[in-house]
Amino acid sequence: MKTAQFNASGNKAILIVFLLVLAGMEIVALTMESHYKYDIPMCAALLVFVFMVRDAIHLSWMHFLLFACFLIIHCLGMFDLYESYPLGIEYDYWVHSLFGFISALVILRWLRTSELHLKRIVRIASTLVIVLGISAAHELYEFAGAILLGSGEGVLFIGAGDLDQWDTQKDMLNNVIGGLIGIFISSSYNYYCTSRAT
């Protein structure tokens, strides 16, 4: 009971803090006249949406925190980070891998704690399929924005990280790589906890 209460209060605290952070970033984006002024409200809406469905997907405060941090990392792109190569790897690759990683953690937890009672291999396969589905929806959204609005920055425009002819395929591959890492870590941790309990 205490864990559930802590989880609920933790999720609310994360929502408030990160909405304030996003509001501050929106002010900065407006003063810079950055195209991220469109991305940041979308990220805030996405954060609120995930918070609203938290009970249905059995969202833990830790996973919600990771998701909120991911949104901030994306929005930091307004400082031209998508043109950078941290540790020699394109920033865009890091962001997509992180998305796949966090999504896999959230989806796998939801499938594990749901009343579907799926076998382990089915949960893993389903997690990868859902990660790829979300990734495909994002790429279509990005493509529509690029067609309508042209070049620039942010998810609605063609910009740094999007100029490769294989960008869509690479983005989806990085989502899958991140998803596989998330599945491995989550499954290993769950196995460790189960083995200790027996």
N, C-alpha and C. Protein backbone atom coordinates (compact mmCIF):
# COMPACT_ATOMS: atom_id res chain seq x y z
N MET A 1 0.83 -1.22 0.00
CA MET A 1 0.00 0.00 0.00
C MET A 1 0.86 1.26 0.00
N LYS A 2 1.93 1.24 0.83
CA LYS A 2 2.82 2.39 0.88
C LYS A 2 3.52 2.61 -0.45
N THR A 3 3.89 1.49 -1.11
CA THR A 3 4.55 1.58 -2.42
C THR A 3 3.62 2.23 -3.43
N ALA A 4 2.34 1.84 -3.43
CA ALA A 4 1.37 2.42 -4.37
C ALA A 4 1.17 3.91 -4.11
N GLN A 5 1.13 4.30 -2.83
CA GLN A 5 0.96 5.71 -2.49
C GLN A 5 2.19 6.52 -2.91
N PHE A 6 3.38 5.94 -2.68
CA PHE A 6 4.61 6.62 -3.08
C PHE A 6 4.68 6.77 -4.59
N ASN A 7 4.25 5.71 -5.29
CA ASN A 7 4.23 5.73 -6.75
C ASN A 7 3.30 6.82 -7.25
N ALA A 8 2.11 6.94 -6.66
CA ALA A 8 1.13 7.94 -7.08
C ALA A 8 1.64 9.36 -6.81
N SER A 9 2.16 9.59 -5.60
CA SER A 9 2.66 10.93 -5.28
C SER A 9 3.91 11.26 -6.08
N GLY A 10 4.74 10.23 -6.35
CA GLY A 10 5.94 10.44 -7.16
C GLY A 10 5.60 10.85 -8.57
N ASN A 11 4.62 10.17 -9.16
CA ASN A 11 4.20 10.51 -10.53
C ASN A 11 3.66 11.94 -10.62
N LYS A 12 2.89 12.35 -9.61
CA LYS A 12 2.34 13.72 -9.60
C LYS A 12 3.47 14.75 -9.47
N ALA A 13 4.43 14.47 -8.61
CA ALA A 13 5.56 15.39 -8.43
C ALA A 13 6.37 15.51 -9.72
N ILE A 14 6.60 14.38 -10.38
CA ILE A 14 7.34 14.37 -11.64
C ILE A 14 6.60 15.18 -12.69
N LEU A 15 5.27 14.99 -12.77
CA LEU A 15 4.47 15.74 -13.74
C LEU A 15 4.61 17.24 -13.53
N ILE A 16 4.45 17.69 -12.29
CA ILE A 16 4.50 19.13 -12.00
C ILE A 16 5.89 19.70 -12.30
N VAL A 17 6.93 19.03 -11.81
CA VAL A 17 8.30 19.53 -12.01
C VAL A 17 8.65 19.61 -13.49
N PHE A 18 8.34 18.58 -14.24
CA PHE A 18 8.73 18.57 -15.65
C PHE A 18 7.86 19.46 -16.52
N LEU A 19 6.61 19.67 -16.13
CA LEU A 19 5.80 20.65 -16.85
C LEU A 19 6.37 22.05 -16.65
N LEU A 20 6.88 22.34 -15.44
CA LEU A 20 7.52 23.63 -15.18
C LEU A 20 8.80 23.77 -15.99
N VAL A 21 9.57 22.68 -16.06
CA VAL A 21 10.81 22.70 -16.86
C VAL A 21 10.49 22.95 -18.33
N LEU A 22 9.47 22.25 -18.83
CA LEU A 22 9.07 22.43 -20.23
C LEU A 22 8.54 23.83 -20.48
N ALA A 23 7.83 24.40 -19.51
CA ALA A 23 7.34 25.78 -19.66
C ALA A 23 8.53 26.74 -19.76
N GLY A 24 9.54 26.53 -18.93
CA GLY A 24 10.74 27.36 -19.01
C GLY A 24 11.44 27.20 -20.35
N MET A 25 11.51 25.98 -20.84
CA MET A 25 12.14 25.73 -22.14
C MET A 25 11.34 26.36 -23.28
N GLU A 26 10.02 26.39 -23.12
CA GLU A 26 9.18 27.03 -24.14
C GLU A 26 9.46 28.53 -24.21
N ILE A 27 9.64 29.15 -23.06
CA ILE A 27 9.98 30.58 -23.03
C ILE A 27 11.30 30.83 -23.74
N VAL A 28 12.28 29.97 -23.47
CA VAL A 28 13.59 30.10 -24.14
C VAL A 28 13.44 29.90 -25.64
N ALA A 29 12.67 28.90 -26.05
CA ALA A 29 12.47 28.62 -27.48
C ALA A 29 11.80 29.80 -28.18
N LEU A 30 10.86 30.44 -27.50
CA LEU A 30 10.18 31.61 -28.08
C LEU A 30 11.15 32.78 -28.22
N THR A 31 12.00 32.99 -27.24
CA THR A 31 12.97 34.10 -27.33
C THR A 31 14.01 33.83 -28.41
N MET A 32 14.32 32.55 -28.63
CA MET A 32 15.28 32.18 -29.67
C MET A 32 14.62 32.09 -31.04
N GLU A 33 13.29 32.15 -31.07
CA GLU A 33 12.51 31.92 -32.28
C GLU A 33 12.85 30.56 -32.89
N SER A 34 12.99 29.58 -32.00
CA SER A 34 13.32 28.22 -32.42
C SER A 34 12.04 27.47 -32.80
N HIS A 35 12.18 26.57 -33.79
CA HIS A 35 11.03 25.74 -34.16
C HIS A 35 10.63 24.79 -33.04
N TYR A 36 11.47 24.64 -32.04
CA TYR A 36 11.12 23.79 -30.90
C TYR A 36 9.97 24.37 -30.09
N LYS A 37 9.59 25.59 -30.40
CA LYS A 37 8.42 26.16 -29.74
C LYS A 37 7.17 25.35 -30.08
N TYR A 38 7.22 24.57 -31.18
CA TYR A 38 6.12 23.68 -31.53
C TYR A 38 6.28 22.32 -30.86
N ASP A 39 7.52 21.86 -30.72
CA ASP A 39 7.78 20.55 -30.13
C ASP A 39 7.47 20.51 -28.64
N ILE A 40 7.85 21.58 -27.94
CA ILE A 40 7.74 21.58 -26.48
C ILE A 40 6.29 21.45 -25.99
N PRO A 41 5.33 22.19 -26.55
CA PRO A 41 3.93 21.96 -26.12
C PRO A 41 3.45 20.54 -26.43
N MET A 42 3.94 19.99 -27.56
CA MET A 42 3.57 18.62 -27.90
C MET A 42 4.13 17.64 -26.86
N CYS A 43 5.36 17.88 -26.42
CA CYS A 43 5.98 17.03 -25.40
C CYS A 43 5.23 17.16 -24.07
N ALA A 44 4.81 18.38 -23.75
CA ALA A 44 4.05 18.60 -22.51
C ALA A 44 2.72 17.84 -22.56
N ALA A 45 2.06 17.89 -23.72
CA ALA A 45 0.80 17.16 -23.88
C ALA A 45 1.01 15.66 -23.77
N LEU A 46 2.12 15.18 -24.32
CA LEU A 46 2.45 13.76 -24.26
C LEU A 46 2.73 13.34 -22.82
N LEU A 47 3.41 14.20 -22.08
CA LEU A 47 3.68 13.92 -20.67
C LEU A 47 2.38 13.81 -19.87
N VAL A 48 1.45 14.73 -20.11
CA VAL A 48 0.16 14.71 -19.43
C VAL A 48 -0.63 13.46 -19.83
N PHE A 49 -0.59 13.11 -21.10
CA PHE A 49 -1.31 11.92 -21.58
C PHE A 49 -0.82 10.65 -20.88
N VAL A 50 0.51 10.49 -20.82
CA VAL A 50 1.08 9.31 -20.17
C VAL A 50 0.70 9.29 -18.69
N PHE A 51 0.70 10.47 -18.07
CA PHE A 51 0.28 10.55 -16.67
C PHE A 51 -1.17 10.12 -16.51
N MET A 52 -2.03 10.51 -17.44
CA MET A 52 -3.46 10.19 -17.34
C MET A 52 -3.73 8.69 -17.50
N VAL A 53 -2.87 8.00 -18.27
CA VAL A 53 -3.09 6.56 -18.48
C VAL A 53 -2.18 5.72 -17.57
N ARG A 54 -1.56 6.36 -16.57
CA ARG A 54 -0.58 5.70 -15.70
C ARG A 54 -1.13 4.44 -15.03
N ASP A 55 -2.38 4.48 -14.57
CA ASP A 55 -2.94 3.31 -13.89
C ASP A 55 -3.21 2.17 -14.86
N ALA A 56 -3.67 2.53 -16.05
CA ALA A 56 -4.00 1.51 -17.05
C ALA A 56 -2.75 0.75 -17.52
N ILE A 57 -1.60 1.45 -17.56
CA ILE A 57 -0.37 0.80 -18.02
C ILE A 57 0.57 0.43 -16.87
N HIS A 58 0.07 0.57 -15.64
CA HIS A 58 0.85 0.21 -14.44
C HIS A 58 2.20 0.94 -14.41
N LEU A 59 2.16 2.24 -14.65
CA LEU A 59 3.37 3.04 -14.77
C LEU A 59 4.01 3.28 -13.40
N SER A 60 5.27 2.95 -13.27
CA SER A 60 6.00 3.23 -12.03
C SER A 60 6.58 4.64 -12.10
N TRP A 61 6.88 5.21 -10.93
CA TRP A 61 7.42 6.56 -10.90
C TRP A 61 8.79 6.62 -11.60
N MET A 62 9.56 5.54 -11.50
CA MET A 62 10.88 5.52 -12.13
C MET A 62 10.78 5.56 -13.65
N HIS A 63 9.85 4.79 -14.19
CA HIS A 63 9.66 4.78 -15.64
C HIS A 63 9.11 6.13 -16.13
N PHE A 64 8.22 6.71 -15.34
CA PHE A 64 7.67 8.02 -15.71
C PHE A 64 8.78 9.08 -15.68
N LEU A 65 9.67 8.98 -14.71
CA LEU A 65 10.80 9.91 -14.62
C LEU A 65 11.71 9.76 -15.83
N LEU A 66 12.00 8.52 -16.21
CA LEU A 66 12.83 8.28 -17.39
C LEU A 66 12.18 8.85 -18.66
N PHE A 67 10.86 8.65 -18.76
CA PHE A 67 10.14 9.18 -19.92
C PHE A 67 10.19 10.70 -19.96
N ALA A 68 9.99 11.33 -18.80
CA ALA A 68 10.05 12.80 -18.73
C ALA A 68 11.44 13.31 -19.09
N CYS A 69 12.47 12.61 -18.63
CA CYS A 69 13.85 13.00 -18.96
C CYS A 69 14.10 12.86 -20.46
N PHE A 70 13.54 11.80 -21.06
CA PHE A 70 13.67 11.63 -22.51
C PHE A 70 13.09 12.82 -23.27
N LEU A 71 11.93 13.30 -22.84
CA LEU A 71 11.31 14.45 -23.50
C LEU A 71 12.20 15.69 -23.41
N ILE A 72 12.83 15.88 -22.25
CA ILE A 72 13.74 17.02 -22.07
C ILE A 72 14.95 16.87 -22.98
N ILE A 73 15.50 15.66 -23.05
CA ILE A 73 16.67 15.41 -23.89
C ILE A 73 16.35 15.72 -25.35
N HIS A 74 15.15 15.35 -25.80
CA HIS A 74 14.75 15.70 -27.16
C HIS A 74 14.68 17.22 -27.33
N CYS A 75 14.02 17.89 -26.40
CA CYS A 75 13.82 19.34 -26.52
C CYS A 75 15.12 20.13 -26.42
N LEU A 76 16.14 19.55 -25.80
CA LEU A 76 17.45 20.20 -25.75
C LEU A 76 18.06 20.34 -27.14
N GLY A 77 17.45 19.66 -28.10
CA GLY A 77 17.88 19.79 -29.49
C GLY A 77 17.81 21.21 -30.00
N MET A 78 17.05 22.08 -29.32
CA MET A 78 16.97 23.48 -29.77
C MET A 78 18.31 24.19 -29.63
N PHE A 79 19.24 23.60 -28.88
CA PHE A 79 20.58 24.16 -28.74
C PHE A 79 21.55 23.49 -29.72
N ASP A 80 21.01 23.03 -30.84
CA ASP A 80 21.78 22.42 -31.94
C ASP A 80 22.47 21.11 -31.54
N LEU A 81 21.94 20.43 -30.55
CA LEU A 81 22.57 19.17 -30.13
C LEU A 81 22.44 18.08 -31.18
N TYR A 82 21.41 18.18 -32.05
CA TYR A 82 21.25 17.16 -33.08
C TYR A 82 22.36 17.22 -34.13
N GLU A 83 23.15 18.26 -34.08
CA GLU A 83 24.32 18.36 -34.96
C GLU A 83 25.58 17.82 -34.28
N SER A 84 25.47 17.39 -33.04
CA SER A 84 26.64 16.93 -32.28
C SER A 84 26.76 15.41 -32.32
N TYR A 85 27.94 14.94 -31.90
CA TYR A 85 28.25 13.51 -31.89
C TYR A 85 28.84 13.11 -30.54
N PRO A 86 28.01 13.01 -29.48
CA PRO A 86 28.53 12.59 -28.17
C PRO A 86 29.14 11.20 -28.24
N LEU A 87 30.36 11.06 -27.74
CA LEU A 87 31.10 9.79 -27.76
C LEU A 87 31.23 9.23 -29.18
N GLY A 88 31.21 10.14 -30.15
CA GLY A 88 31.38 9.73 -31.55
C GLY A 88 30.14 9.19 -32.21
N ILE A 89 29.01 9.26 -31.52
CA ILE A 89 27.74 8.75 -32.07
C ILE A 89 26.78 9.92 -32.22
N GLU A 90 26.09 9.97 -33.35
CA GLU A 90 25.17 11.07 -33.64
C GLU A 90 24.10 11.20 -32.53
N TYR A 91 23.84 12.42 -32.12
CA TYR A 91 22.88 12.69 -31.04
C TYR A 91 21.52 12.07 -31.35
N ASP A 92 21.12 12.12 -32.61
CA ASP A 92 19.84 11.55 -33.03
C ASP A 92 19.78 10.06 -32.73
N TYR A 93 20.90 9.36 -32.88
CA TYR A 93 20.94 7.93 -32.59
C TYR A 93 20.74 7.69 -31.10
N TRP A 94 21.38 8.52 -30.27
CA TRP A 94 21.22 8.40 -28.83
C TRP A 94 19.75 8.58 -28.43
N VAL A 95 19.11 9.61 -29.01
CA VAL A 95 17.73 9.92 -28.64
C VAL A 95 16.79 8.78 -29.02
N HIS A 96 16.94 8.25 -30.23
CA HIS A 96 16.07 7.16 -30.66
C HIS A 96 16.31 5.89 -29.86
N SER A 97 17.58 5.61 -29.55
CA SER A 97 17.88 4.44 -28.73
C SER A 97 17.30 4.59 -27.33
N LEU A 98 17.39 5.78 -26.80
CA LEU A 98 16.82 6.05 -25.47
C LEU A 98 15.31 5.87 -25.48
N PHE A 99 14.67 6.34 -26.56
CA PHE A 99 13.22 6.16 -26.67
C PHE A 99 12.86 4.67 -26.67
N GLY A 100 13.59 3.88 -27.49
CA GLY A 100 13.32 2.45 -27.54
C GLY A 100 13.53 1.78 -26.20
N PHE A 101 14.60 2.19 -25.50
CA PHE A 101 14.93 1.64 -24.20
C PHE A 101 13.81 1.89 -23.18
N ILE A 102 13.39 3.16 -23.06
CA ILE A 102 12.37 3.52 -22.08
C ILE A 102 11.01 2.92 -22.45
N SER A 103 10.68 2.96 -23.73
CA SER A 103 9.41 2.39 -24.18
C SER A 103 9.34 0.90 -23.85
N ALA A 104 10.44 0.19 -24.07
CA ALA A 104 10.47 -1.24 -23.79
C ALA A 104 10.27 -1.51 -22.30
N LEU A 105 10.90 -0.70 -21.45
CA LEU A 105 10.72 -0.88 -20.01
C LEU A 105 9.27 -0.70 -19.61
N VAL A 106 8.63 0.35 -20.14
CA VAL A 106 7.24 0.65 -19.79
C VAL A 106 6.30 -0.44 -20.33
N ILE A 107 6.47 -0.81 -21.59
CA ILE A 107 5.59 -1.79 -22.23
C ILE A 107 5.74 -3.16 -21.58
N LEU A 108 6.99 -3.57 -21.32
CA LEU A 108 7.22 -4.88 -20.72
C LEU A 108 6.64 -4.95 -19.31
N ARG A 109 6.76 -3.87 -18.56
CA ARG A 109 6.17 -3.85 -17.21
C ARG A 109 4.64 -3.96 -17.30
N TRP A 110 4.06 -3.23 -18.26
CA TRP A 110 2.61 -3.27 -18.44
C TRP A 110 2.15 -4.69 -18.80
N LEU A 111 2.86 -5.33 -19.73
CA LEU A 111 2.48 -6.69 -20.14
C LEU A 111 2.69 -7.69 -19.01
N ARG A 112 3.73 -7.47 -18.22
CA ARG A 112 4.03 -8.40 -17.12
C ARG A 112 3.00 -8.30 -16.01
N THR A 113 2.51 -7.08 -15.76
CA THR A 113 1.58 -6.87 -14.64
C THR A 113 0.11 -6.87 -15.07
N SER A 114 -0.13 -7.02 -16.36
CA SER A 114 -1.51 -7.03 -16.84
C SER A 114 -2.17 -8.37 -16.56
N GLU A 115 -3.45 -8.45 -16.83
CA GLU A 115 -4.22 -9.69 -16.61
C GLU A 115 -4.22 -10.58 -17.85
N LEU A 116 -3.35 -10.27 -18.82
CA LEU A 116 -3.31 -11.06 -20.04
C LEU A 116 -2.61 -12.41 -19.84
N HIS A 117 -1.70 -12.46 -18.85
CA HIS A 117 -0.96 -13.69 -18.53
C HIS A 117 -0.26 -14.27 -19.77
N LEU A 118 0.48 -13.42 -20.44
CA LEU A 118 1.21 -13.86 -21.63
C LEU A 118 2.49 -14.58 -21.25
N LYS A 119 2.90 -15.51 -22.09
CA LYS A 119 4.17 -16.18 -21.89
C LYS A 119 5.31 -15.18 -22.10
N ARG A 120 6.44 -15.49 -21.49
CA ARG A 120 7.58 -14.56 -21.52
C ARG A 120 8.00 -14.19 -22.95
N ILE A 121 8.10 -15.19 -23.82
CA ILE A 121 8.53 -14.93 -25.20
C ILE A 121 7.51 -14.08 -25.94
N VAL A 122 6.24 -14.26 -25.62
CA VAL A 122 5.18 -13.46 -26.26
C VAL A 122 5.25 -12.01 -25.78
N ARG A 123 5.54 -11.82 -24.48
CA ARG A 123 5.70 -10.46 -23.94
C ARG A 123 6.86 -9.74 -24.63
N ILE A 124 7.96 -10.46 -24.81
CA ILE A 124 9.14 -9.86 -25.43
C ILE A 124 8.85 -9.49 -26.89
N ALA A 125 8.25 -10.42 -27.63
CA ALA A 125 7.93 -10.17 -29.03
C ALA A 125 6.92 -9.02 -29.17
N SER A 126 5.92 -9.03 -28.30
CA SER A 126 4.90 -7.98 -28.32
C SER A 126 5.52 -6.61 -28.02
N THR A 127 6.46 -6.58 -27.08
CA THR A 127 7.13 -5.33 -26.73
C THR A 127 7.86 -4.76 -27.94
N LEU A 128 8.60 -5.62 -28.64
CA LEU A 128 9.33 -5.16 -29.83
C LEU A 128 8.39 -4.67 -30.92
N VAL A 129 7.29 -5.39 -31.12
CA VAL A 129 6.31 -4.99 -32.14
C VAL A 129 5.70 -3.64 -31.80
N ILE A 130 5.35 -3.43 -30.53
CA ILE A 130 4.75 -2.15 -30.12
C ILE A 130 5.76 -1.02 -30.25
N VAL A 131 7.02 -1.26 -29.86
CA VAL A 131 8.07 -0.23 -30.02
C VAL A 131 8.22 0.15 -31.49
N LEU A 132 8.23 -0.86 -32.36
CA LEU A 132 8.34 -0.59 -33.80
C LEU A 132 7.11 0.14 -34.33
N GLY A 133 5.94 -0.20 -33.81
CA GLY A 133 4.71 0.48 -34.23
C GLY A 133 4.71 1.95 -33.85
N ILE A 134 5.12 2.24 -32.61
CA ILE A 134 5.21 3.63 -32.17
C ILE A 134 6.25 4.38 -32.99
N SER A 135 7.37 3.69 -33.27
CA SER A 135 8.44 4.29 -34.07
C SER A 135 7.95 4.63 -35.48
N ALA A 136 7.20 3.71 -36.08
CA ALA A 136 6.67 3.95 -37.42
C ALA A 136 5.69 5.12 -37.43
N ALA A 137 4.83 5.19 -36.40
CA ALA A 137 3.88 6.30 -36.30
C ALA A 137 4.62 7.63 -36.18
N HIS A 138 5.70 7.64 -35.39
CA HIS A 138 6.50 8.86 -35.24
C HIS A 138 7.13 9.26 -36.56
N GLU A 139 7.67 8.29 -37.29
CA GLU A 139 8.32 8.60 -38.57
C GLU A 139 7.31 9.16 -39.59
N LEU A 140 6.09 8.63 -39.59
CA LEU A 140 5.05 9.16 -40.49
C LEU A 140 4.67 10.58 -40.10
N TYR A 141 4.59 10.83 -38.80
CA TYR A 141 4.29 12.17 -38.29
C TYR A 141 5.39 13.15 -38.69
N GLU A 142 6.63 12.70 -38.54
CA GLU A 142 7.79 13.53 -38.92
C GLU A 142 7.79 13.80 -40.42
N PHE A 143 7.46 12.78 -41.21
CA PHE A 143 7.41 12.92 -42.67
C PHE A 143 6.34 13.92 -43.09
N ALA A 144 5.16 13.83 -42.46
CA ALA A 144 4.07 14.76 -42.79
C ALA A 144 4.46 16.20 -42.46
N GLY A 145 5.11 16.39 -41.31
CA GLY A 145 5.57 17.72 -40.93
C GLY A 145 6.58 18.27 -41.90
N ALA A 146 7.51 17.41 -42.33
CA ALA A 146 8.54 17.84 -43.27
C ALA A 146 7.95 18.23 -44.62
N ILE A 147 6.95 17.47 -45.07
CA ILE A 147 6.30 17.78 -46.35
C ILE A 147 5.56 19.12 -46.27
N LEU A 148 4.87 19.33 -45.16
CA LEU A 148 4.05 20.54 -45.01
C LEU A 148 4.87 21.79 -44.68
N LEU A 149 5.94 21.62 -43.87
CA LEU A 149 6.64 22.78 -43.32
C LEU A 149 8.06 22.96 -43.82
N GLY A 150 8.66 21.93 -44.40
CA GLY A 150 9.99 22.08 -44.98
C GLY A 150 11.13 21.91 -43.99
N SER A 151 12.23 22.59 -44.28
CA SER A 151 13.45 22.43 -43.49
C SER A 151 13.43 23.30 -42.25
N GLY A 152 14.22 22.91 -41.27
CA GLY A 152 14.29 23.67 -40.03
C GLY A 152 14.82 22.81 -38.92
N GLU A 153 14.18 22.84 -37.78
CA GLU A 153 14.62 22.05 -36.62
C GLU A 153 13.39 21.53 -35.89
N GLY A 154 13.59 20.54 -35.07
CA GLY A 154 12.45 19.96 -34.35
C GLY A 154 11.83 18.83 -35.13
N VAL A 155 10.90 18.14 -34.51
CA VAL A 155 10.36 16.93 -35.09
C VAL A 155 9.47 17.20 -36.31
N LEU A 156 8.96 18.41 -36.44
CA LEU A 156 8.06 18.74 -37.55
C LEU A 156 8.79 19.23 -38.80
N PHE A 157 10.09 19.37 -38.73
CA PHE A 157 10.86 19.92 -39.84
C PHE A 157 12.01 18.99 -40.21
N ILE A 158 12.44 19.04 -41.47
CA ILE A 158 13.65 18.33 -41.87
C ILE A 158 14.83 19.15 -41.40
N GLY A 159 15.70 18.54 -40.61
CA GLY A 159 16.86 19.26 -40.10
C GLY A 159 17.99 18.32 -39.79
N ALA A 160 18.87 18.75 -38.89
CA ALA A 160 20.01 17.93 -38.49
C ALA A 160 19.53 16.58 -37.98
N GLY A 161 20.18 15.53 -38.45
CA GLY A 161 19.80 14.17 -38.05
C GLY A 161 18.78 13.55 -38.97
N ASP A 162 18.22 14.34 -39.91
CA ASP A 162 17.18 13.82 -40.81
C ASP A 162 17.60 13.81 -42.28
N LEU A 163 18.83 14.21 -42.57
CA LEU A 163 19.24 14.46 -43.95
C LEU A 163 19.70 13.21 -44.68
N ASP A 164 19.98 12.15 -43.95
CA ASP A 164 20.40 10.88 -44.55
C ASP A 164 19.21 10.24 -45.27
N GLN A 165 19.47 9.66 -46.45
CA GLN A 165 18.38 9.00 -47.19
C GLN A 165 17.86 7.77 -46.46
N TRP A 166 18.67 7.23 -45.53
CA TRP A 166 18.27 6.07 -44.76
C TRP A 166 17.86 6.47 -43.35
N ASP A 167 17.50 7.73 -43.15
CA ASP A 167 17.20 8.23 -41.80
C ASP A 167 16.09 7.44 -41.11
N THR A 168 15.00 7.20 -41.82
CA THR A 168 13.86 6.49 -41.22
C THR A 168 14.27 5.09 -40.76
N GLN A 169 14.99 4.38 -41.63
CA GLN A 169 15.41 3.03 -41.29
C GLN A 169 16.38 3.04 -40.10
N LYS A 170 17.30 4.00 -40.08
CA LYS A 170 18.26 4.10 -38.98
C LYS A 170 17.57 4.46 -37.67
N ASP A 171 16.59 5.36 -37.75
CA ASP A 171 15.84 5.73 -36.55
C ASP A 171 15.12 4.52 -35.96
N MET A 172 14.48 3.74 -36.84
CA MET A 172 13.75 2.58 -36.36
C MET A 172 14.70 1.50 -35.84
N LEU A 173 15.87 1.37 -36.49
CA LEU A 173 16.86 0.41 -36.01
C LEU A 173 17.35 0.80 -34.61
N ASN A 174 17.61 2.09 -34.42
CA ASN A 174 18.06 2.55 -33.11
C ASN A 174 16.98 2.36 -32.04
N ASN A 175 15.72 2.54 -32.43
CA ASN A 175 14.61 2.27 -31.50
C ASN A 175 14.62 0.79 -31.08
N VAL A 176 14.86 -0.09 -32.06
CA VAL A 176 14.89 -1.53 -31.77
C VAL A 176 16.09 -1.89 -30.90
N ILE A 177 17.25 -1.30 -31.19
CA ILE A 177 18.45 -1.57 -30.38
C ILE A 177 18.18 -1.15 -28.93
N GLY A 178 17.65 0.06 -28.76
CA GLY A 178 17.30 0.52 -27.41
C GLY A 178 16.28 -0.38 -26.75
N GLY A 179 15.29 -0.82 -27.55
CA GLY A 179 14.26 -1.71 -27.03
C GLY A 179 14.84 -3.05 -26.57
N LEU A 180 15.77 -3.60 -27.34
CA LEU A 180 16.39 -4.86 -26.96
C LEU A 180 17.21 -4.73 -25.67
N ILE A 181 17.90 -3.59 -25.54
CA ILE A 181 18.65 -3.35 -24.31
C ILE A 181 17.69 -3.25 -23.12
N GLY A 182 16.58 -2.53 -23.33
CA GLY A 182 15.57 -2.40 -22.27
C GLY A 182 14.99 -3.74 -21.87
N ILE A 183 14.71 -4.58 -22.87
CA ILE A 183 14.15 -5.91 -22.60
C ILE A 183 15.15 -6.76 -21.83
N PHE A 184 16.42 -6.70 -22.23
CA PHE A 184 17.46 -7.49 -21.56
C PHE A 184 17.61 -7.06 -20.10
N ILE A 185 17.69 -5.76 -19.86
CA ILE A 185 17.86 -5.26 -18.49
C ILE A 185 16.64 -5.57 -17.64
N SER A 186 15.44 -5.33 -18.19
CA SER A 186 14.21 -5.58 -17.44
C SER A 186 14.05 -7.07 -17.13
N SER A 187 14.31 -7.92 -18.11
CA SER A 187 14.17 -9.37 -17.91
C SER A 187 15.20 -9.88 -16.92
N SER A 188 16.42 -9.35 -16.99
CA SER A 188 17.48 -9.77 -16.07
C SER A 188 17.13 -9.37 -14.64
N TYR A 189 16.63 -8.15 -14.49
CA TYR A 189 16.26 -7.67 -13.15
C TYR A 189 15.10 -8.48 -12.60
N ASN A 190 14.11 -8.76 -13.44
CA ASN A 190 12.95 -9.54 -13.00
C ASN A 190 13.36 -10.96 -12.61
N TYR A 191 14.26 -11.54 -13.39
CA TYR A 191 14.76 -12.89 -13.08
C TYR A 191 15.52 -12.89 -11.76
N TYR A 192 16.33 -11.85 -11.54
CA TYR A 192 17.10 -11.74 -10.30
C TYR A 192 16.16 -11.64 -9.09
N CYS A 193 15.12 -10.79 -9.21
CA CYS A 193 14.17 -10.63 -8.11
C CYS A 193 13.40 -11.91 -7.83
N THR A 194 13.02 -12.61 -8.90
CA THR A 194 12.27 -13.87 -8.76
C THR A 194 13.13 -14.94 -8.10
N SER A 195 14.40 -15.03 -8.53
CA SER A 195 15.30 -16.05 -7.98
C SER A 195 15.61 -15.79 -6.51
N ARG A 196 15.67 -14.53 -6.13
CA ARG A 196 15.93 -14.19 -4.72
C ARG A 196 14.72 -14.51 -3.84
N ALA A 197 13.54 -14.40 -4.43
CA ALA A 197 12.30 -14.64 -3.66
C ALA A 197 12.07 -16.13 -3.40
N THR A 198 12.67 -16.97 -4.24
CA THR A 198 12.44 -18.43 -4.09
C THR A 198 13.49 -19.07 -3.21
